[in-house]
Amino acid sequence: MESYLHFVAPCLTFLWGLICLRIYTMISADNAGQRRLIAIGGAIGAALIYILASNVVGLIQAPSSESPVDQGDRVKIQLKG
């Protein structure tokens, strides 16, 4: 599973860029303001997706910090009732 995790953030960013590019090309050239907003929003969105995906992948790959509990030190007490 961990062999492909380093590709996740760039692939998601690339797919987001393709979606934004498709929307950008659908908007008429007469609407320069809308095209600029889509371009700026797409760039900011791509940066946020890359950062978020990189952090999530880092959390997935991080080893757990819990130390195993030694079961030999515990005493189990049962009351007769």
C-alpha atoms as a PDB file:
ATOM      1  CA  MET A   1       0.000   0.000   0.000  1.00  0.00           C
ATOM      2  CA  GLU A   2       2.777   2.425   0.828  1.00  0.00           C
ATOM      3  CA  SER A   3       4.467   2.083  -2.554  1.00  0.00           C
ATOM      4  CA  TYR A   4       2.081   4.477  -4.301  1.00  0.00           C
ATOM      5  CA  LEU A   5       1.376   6.965  -1.500  1.00  0.00           C
ATOM      6  CA  HIS A   6       3.988   9.463  -2.686  1.00  0.00           C
ATOM      7  CA  PHE A   7       2.008   9.840  -5.943  1.00  0.00           C
ATOM      8  CA  VAL A   8      -1.271  10.804  -4.249  1.00  0.00           C
ATOM      9  CA  ALA A   9      -0.703  14.539  -3.684  1.00  0.00           C
ATOM     10  CA  PRO A  10       0.673  15.331  -7.172  1.00  0.00           C
ATOM     11  CA  CYS A  11      -2.050  13.272  -8.885  1.00  0.00           C
ATOM     12  CA  LEU A  12      -4.874  14.945  -6.958  1.00  0.00           C
ATOM     13  CA  THR A  13      -3.381  18.346  -7.699  1.00  0.00           C
ATOM     14  CA  PHE A  14      -3.074  17.513 -11.395  1.00  0.00           C
ATOM     15  CA  LEU A  15      -6.682  16.300 -11.565  1.00  0.00           C
ATOM     16  CA  TRP A  16      -7.875  19.481  -9.843  1.00  0.00           C
ATOM     17  CA  GLY A  17      -5.913  21.509 -12.376  1.00  0.00           C
ATOM     18  CA  LEU A  18      -7.571  19.653 -15.252  1.00  0.00           C
ATOM     19  CA  ILE A  19     -11.031  20.307 -13.810  1.00  0.00           C
ATOM     20  CA  CYS A  20     -10.284  24.010 -13.397  1.00  0.00           C
ATOM     21  CA  LEU A  21      -8.810  24.187 -16.893  1.00  0.00           C
ATOM     22  CA  ARG A  22     -11.972  22.644 -18.308  1.00  0.00           C
ATOM     23  CA  ILE A  23     -14.127  25.214 -16.511  1.00  0.00           C
ATOM     24  CA  TYR A  24     -11.746  27.976 -17.644  1.00  0.00           C
ATOM     25  CA  THR A  25     -12.117  26.961 -21.293  1.00  0.00           C
ATOM     26  CA  MET A  26     -15.909  26.781 -21.006  1.00  0.00           C
ATOM     27  CA  ILE A  27     -16.103  30.440 -19.974  1.00  0.00           C
ATOM     28  CA  SER A  28     -16.290  32.879 -22.863  1.00  0.00           C
ATOM     29  CA  ALA A  29     -13.220  34.986 -23.630  1.00  0.00           C
ATOM     30  CA  ASP A  30     -15.424  38.058 -23.184  1.00  0.00           C
ATOM     31  CA  ASN A  31     -15.684  37.330 -19.451  1.00  0.00           C
ATOM     32  CA  ALA A  32     -12.086  38.063 -18.484  1.00  0.00           C
ATOM     33  CA  GLY A  33     -12.980  38.653 -14.835  1.00  0.00           C
ATOM     34  CA  GLN A  34     -14.590  35.240 -14.450  1.00  0.00           C
ATOM     35  CA  ARG A  35     -11.643  33.579 -16.136  1.00  0.00           C
ATOM     36  CA  ARG A  36      -9.230  35.313 -13.771  1.00  0.00           C
ATOM     37  CA  LEU A  37     -11.264  34.255 -10.736  1.00  0.00           C
ATOM     38  CA  ILE A  38     -11.330  30.636 -11.922  1.00  0.00           C
ATOM     39  CA  ALA A  39      -7.572  30.704 -12.532  1.00  0.00           C
ATOM     40  CA  ILE A  40      -6.824  32.226  -9.125  1.00  0.00           C
ATOM     41  CA  GLY A  41      -9.282  29.938  -7.341  1.00  0.00           C
ATOM     42  CA  GLY A  42      -7.882  26.909  -9.136  1.00  0.00           C
ATOM     43  CA  ALA A  43      -4.325  27.776  -8.156  1.00  0.00           C
ATOM     44  CA  ILE A  44      -5.237  28.368  -4.512  1.00  0.00           C
ATOM     45  CA  GLY A  45      -7.330  25.187  -4.480  1.00  0.00           C
ATOM     46  CA  ALA A  46      -4.498  23.169  -6.005  1.00  0.00           C
ATOM     47  CA  ALA A  47      -2.065  24.440  -3.381  1.00  0.00           C
ATOM     48  CA  LEU A  48      -4.460  23.578  -0.565  1.00  0.00           C
ATOM     49  CA  ILE A  49      -5.150  20.122  -2.003  1.00  0.00           C
ATOM     50  CA  TYR A  50      -1.414  19.440  -2.307  1.00  0.00           C
ATOM     51  CA  ILE A  51      -0.726  20.545   1.270  1.00  0.00           C
ATOM     52  CA  LEU A  52      -3.675  18.607   2.696  1.00  0.00           C
ATOM     53  CA  ALA A  53      -2.892  15.440   0.736  1.00  0.00           C
ATOM     54  CA  SER A  54       0.779  15.608   1.735  1.00  0.00           C
ATOM     55  CA  ASN A  55      -0.177  15.917   5.403  1.00  0.00           C
ATOM     56  CA  VAL A  56      -2.651  13.049   5.216  1.00  0.00           C
ATOM     57  CA  VAL A  57      -0.088  10.821   3.485  1.00  0.00           C
ATOM     58  CA  GLY A  58       2.427  11.764   6.186  1.00  0.00           C
ATOM     59  CA  LEU A  59      -0.049  10.755   8.875  1.00  0.00           C
ATOM     60  CA  ILE A  60      -0.743   7.451   7.157  1.00  0.00           C
ATOM     61  CA  GLN A  61       2.954   6.637   6.872  1.00  0.00           C
ATOM     62  CA  ALA A  62       3.866   7.706  10.421  1.00  0.00           C
ATOM     63  CA  PRO A  63       4.430   4.842  12.844  1.00  0.00           C
ATOM     64  CA  SER A  64       2.097   4.681  15.797  1.00  0.00           C
ATOM     65  CA  SER A  65       3.490   6.216  18.961  1.00  0.00           C
ATOM     66  CA  GLU A  66       1.778   3.784  21.315  1.00  0.00           C
ATOM     67  CA  SER A  67       4.134   1.479  23.142  1.00  0.00           C
ATOM     68  CA  PRO A  68       3.007  -2.093  23.576  1.00  0.00           C
ATOM     69  CA  VAL A  69       1.825  -2.942  27.070  1.00  0.00           C
ATOM     70  CA  ASP A  70       3.570  -5.829  28.759  1.00  0.00           C
ATOM     71  CA  GLN A  71       0.831  -8.216  29.831  1.00  0.00           C
ATOM     72  CA  GLY A  72       3.117  -9.906  32.390  1.00  0.00           C
ATOM     73  CA  ASP A  73       2.946  -6.927  34.777  1.00  0.00           C
ATOM     74  CA  ARG A  74      -0.833  -6.901  35.058  1.00  0.00           C
ATOM     75  CA  VAL A  75      -2.687  -8.834  37.702  1.00  0.00           C
ATOM     76  CA  LYS A  76      -6.269  -9.838  37.158  1.00  0.00           C
ATOM     77  CA  ILE A  77      -8.429 -10.046  40.283  1.00  0.00           C
ATOM     78  CA  GLN A  78     -11.804 -11.733  40.316  1.00  0.00           C
ATOM     79  CA  LEU A  79     -14.155 -11.593  43.286  1.00  0.00           C
ATOM     80  CA  LYS A  80     -16.267 -14.597  44.236  1.00  0.00           C
ATOM     81  CA  GLY A  81     -19.810 -13.602  44.701  1.00  0.00           C
END
